[in-house]
C-alpha atoms as a PDB file:
ATOM      1  CA  UNK A   1      37.645  67.781  34.855  1.00  0.00           C
ATOM      2  CA  UNK A   2      36.933  66.720  31.276  1.00  0.00           C
ATOM      3  CA  UNK A   3      37.313  63.139  30.176  1.00  0.00           C
ATOM      4  CA  UNK A   4      39.337  62.576  26.999  1.00  0.00           C
ATOM      5  CA  UNK A   5      37.861  60.314  24.368  1.00  0.00           C
ATOM      6  CA  UNK A   6      39.550  56.963  23.916  1.00  0.00           C
ATOM      7  CA  UNK A   7      40.161  56.196  20.266  1.00  0.00           C
ATOM      8  CA  UNK A   8      39.531  52.604  19.199  1.00  0.00           C
ATOM      9  CA  UNK A   9      42.526  52.176  16.891  1.00  0.00           C
ATOM     10  CA  UNK A  10      41.913  48.429  16.528  1.00  0.00           C
ATOM     11  CA  UNK A  11      38.345  48.941  15.295  1.00  0.00           C
ATOM     12  CA  UNK A  12      39.379  51.713  12.903  1.00  0.00           C
ATOM     13  CA  UNK A  13      42.225  49.660  11.448  1.00  0.00           C
ATOM     14  CA  UNK A  14      39.930  46.630  11.153  1.00  0.00           C
ATOM     15  CA  UNK A  15      37.384  48.712   9.240  1.00  0.00           C
ATOM     16  CA  UNK A  16      40.072  50.155   6.966  1.00  0.00           C
ATOM     17  CA  UNK A  17      41.759  46.891   5.941  1.00  0.00           C
ATOM     18  CA  UNK A  18      38.954  45.589   3.685  1.00  0.00           C
ATOM     19  CA  UNK A  19      38.940  48.878   1.747  1.00  0.00           C
ATOM     20  CA  UNK A  20      42.690  49.468   1.847  1.00  0.00           C
ATOM     21  CA  UNK A  21      43.160  49.158  -1.945  1.00  0.00           C
ATOM     22  CA  UNK A  22      40.670  51.973  -2.551  1.00  0.00           C
ATOM     23  CA  UNK A  23      42.258  54.104   0.191  1.00  0.00           C
ATOM     24  CA  UNK A  24      45.661  53.608  -1.430  1.00  0.00           C
ATOM     25  CA  UNK A  25      44.285  54.587  -4.845  1.00  0.00           C
ATOM     26  CA  UNK A  26      43.194  57.834  -3.201  1.00  0.00           C
ATOM     27  CA  UNK A  27      46.241  58.470  -0.995  1.00  0.00           C
ATOM     28  CA  UNK A  28      49.080  57.158  -3.194  1.00  0.00           C
ATOM     29  CA  UNK A  29      47.783  56.592  -6.718  1.00  0.00           C
ATOM     30  CA  UNK A  30      49.790  54.964  -9.468  1.00  0.00           C
ATOM     31  CA  UNK A  31      51.089  51.953  -7.593  1.00  0.00           C
ATOM     32  CA  UNK A  32      50.912  48.313  -8.527  1.00  0.00           C
ATOM     33  CA  UNK A  33      50.058  45.151  -6.645  1.00  0.00           C
ATOM     34  CA  UNK A  34      52.827  42.596  -6.227  1.00  0.00           C
ATOM     35  CA  UNK A  35      51.561  39.571  -4.336  1.00  0.00           C
ATOM     36  CA  UNK A  36      50.055  40.902  -1.107  1.00  0.00           C
ATOM     37  CA  UNK A  37      51.792  44.279  -1.368  1.00  0.00           C
ATOM     38  CA  UNK A  38      50.981  47.611  -2.945  1.00  0.00           C
ATOM     39  CA  UNK A  39      54.191  49.065  -4.354  1.00  0.00           C
ATOM     40  CA  UNK A  40      54.331  52.778  -5.160  1.00  0.00           C
ATOM     41  CA  UNK A  41      56.594  55.819  -5.089  1.00  0.00           C
ATOM     42  CA  UNK A  42      56.725  57.470  -1.686  1.00  0.00           C
ATOM     43  CA  UNK A  43      54.972  60.836  -2.075  1.00  0.00           C
ATOM     44  CA  UNK A  44      56.657  62.272   1.036  1.00  0.00           C
ATOM     45  CA  UNK A  45      60.056  62.427  -0.631  1.00  0.00           C
ATOM     46  CA  UNK A  46      61.633  62.716  -4.083  1.00  0.00           C
ATOM     47  CA  UNK A  47      61.194  59.020  -4.841  1.00  0.00           C
ATOM     48  CA  UNK A  48      62.268  58.352  -8.420  1.00  0.00           C
ATOM     49  CA  UNK A  49      61.453  54.682  -8.726  1.00  0.00           C
ATOM     50  CA  UNK A  50      58.785  52.278  -7.603  1.00  0.00           C
ATOM     51  CA  UNK A  51      59.997  49.519  -5.339  1.00  0.00           C
ATOM     52  CA  UNK A  52      61.197  50.697  -1.961  1.00  0.00           C
ATOM     53  CA  UNK A  53      57.825  51.901  -0.587  1.00  0.00           C
ATOM     54  CA  UNK A  54      55.505  48.991   0.102  1.00  0.00           C
ATOM     55  CA  UNK A  55      52.200  48.516   1.909  1.00  0.00           C
ATOM     56  CA  UNK A  56      50.982  45.057   2.905  1.00  0.00           C
ATOM     57  CA  UNK A  57      47.359  44.750   1.759  1.00  0.00           C
ATOM     58  CA  UNK A  58      46.559  42.051   4.319  1.00  0.00           C
ATOM     59  CA  UNK A  59      47.971  43.645   7.468  1.00  0.00           C
ATOM     60  CA  UNK A  60      48.374  47.346   6.656  1.00  0.00           C
ATOM     61  CA  UNK A  61      52.059  47.247   7.659  1.00  0.00           C
ATOM     62  CA  UNK A  62      54.183  49.524   5.493  1.00  0.00           C
ATOM     63  CA  UNK A  63      57.773  50.515   5.003  1.00  0.00           C
ATOM     64  CA  UNK A  64      60.037  52.709   2.940  1.00  0.00           C
ATOM     65  CA  UNK A  65      63.127  50.550   2.668  1.00  0.00           C
ATOM     66  CA  UNK A  66      65.176  53.465   1.306  1.00  0.00           C
ATOM     67  CA  UNK A  67      64.647  55.660   4.374  1.00  0.00           C
ATOM     68  CA  UNK A  68      63.759  53.195   7.124  1.00  0.00           C
ATOM     69  CA  UNK A  69      60.367  54.801   7.748  1.00  0.00           C
ATOM     70  CA  UNK A  70      57.818  52.141   8.683  1.00  0.00           C
ATOM     71  CA  UNK A  71      54.565  51.543  10.485  1.00  0.00           C
ATOM     72  CA  UNK A  72      52.312  48.758  11.586  1.00  0.00           C
ATOM     73  CA  UNK A  73      48.859  49.699  10.368  1.00  0.00           C
ATOM     74  CA  UNK A  74      46.607  51.853   8.195  1.00  0.00           C
ATOM     75  CA  UNK A  75      46.300  54.624  10.781  1.00  0.00           C
ATOM     76  CA  UNK A  76      50.090  54.944  10.993  1.00  0.00           C
ATOM     77  CA  UNK A  77      50.265  55.067   7.194  1.00  0.00           C
ATOM     78  CA  UNK A  78      47.658  57.828   6.983  1.00  0.00           C
ATOM     79  CA  UNK A  79      49.441  59.794   9.720  1.00  0.00           C
ATOM     80  CA  UNK A  80      52.761  59.447   7.873  1.00  0.00           C
ATOM     81  CA  UNK A  81      51.419  60.338   4.421  1.00  0.00           C
ATOM     82  CA  UNK A  82      49.346  63.310   5.557  1.00  0.00           C
ATOM     83  CA  UNK A  83      51.649  64.553   8.335  1.00  0.00           C
ATOM     84  CA  UNK A  84      49.029  64.043  11.047  1.00  0.00           C
ATOM     85  CA  UNK A  85      49.092  62.720  14.580  1.00  0.00           C
ATOM     86  CA  UNK A  86      47.969  59.122  15.001  1.00  0.00           C
ATOM     87  CA  UNK A  87      44.823  60.346  16.765  1.00  0.00           C
ATOM     88  CA  UNK A  88      43.896  62.788  14.023  1.00  0.00           C
ATOM     89  CA  UNK A  89      44.563  60.199  11.310  1.00  0.00           C
ATOM     90  CA  UNK A  90      42.355  57.678  13.140  1.00  0.00           C
ATOM     91  CA  UNK A  91      39.519  60.198  13.489  1.00  0.00           C
ATOM     92  CA  UNK A  92      39.704  61.111   9.789  1.00  0.00           C
ATOM     93  CA  UNK A  93      39.680  57.485   8.662  1.00  0.00           C
ATOM     94  CA  UNK A  94      36.769  56.733  10.994  1.00  0.00           C
ATOM     95  CA  UNK A  95      34.814  59.674   9.578  1.00  0.00           C
ATOM     96  CA  UNK A  96      35.652  58.641   6.011  1.00  0.00           C
ATOM     97  CA  UNK A  97      34.445  55.083   6.628  1.00  0.00           C
ATOM     98  CA  UNK A  98      31.487  56.018   8.793  1.00  0.00           C
ATOM     99  CA  UNK A  99      32.670  54.109  11.873  1.00  0.00           C
ATOM    100  CA  UNK A 100      32.715  55.254  15.481  1.00  0.00           C
ATOM    101  CA  UNK A 101      36.187  56.354  16.513  1.00  0.00           C
ATOM    102  CA  UNK A 102      35.920  55.740  20.225  1.00  0.00           C
ATOM    103  CA  UNK A 103      34.212  56.588  23.460  1.00  0.00           C
END
C-alpha cells in the first residue's frame, strides 16, 4: 500500500506571501496597488474594468466581487487562475519558489 504525500499548504503559502507582488506581476499583470490590495482585471472572464477582482497582499485572500469567486490564500488563487487542483497549484508554487512541498 503506497503512502500519499502530505502537502504542507501552510509552509507553501508562507513562502509565497513575501513574493506575492512578483507572482501577481507574472500571473495577472497590469494591476495596481491600492492600500494592501492588488486590483486587476480577472483574466478568467471577460472583465472590462479594474476594480472587482482584488488580492490582499498581506494575507493572500482574494475575491472577484462581480462573480462571488473567492479564496483564502495564494495556493487557492493559483488554482483558480490556472484551473488546477489545490494540490497541483501548491506543488507548482513550491517548485517555483524552491521550497519543499510536503512529506
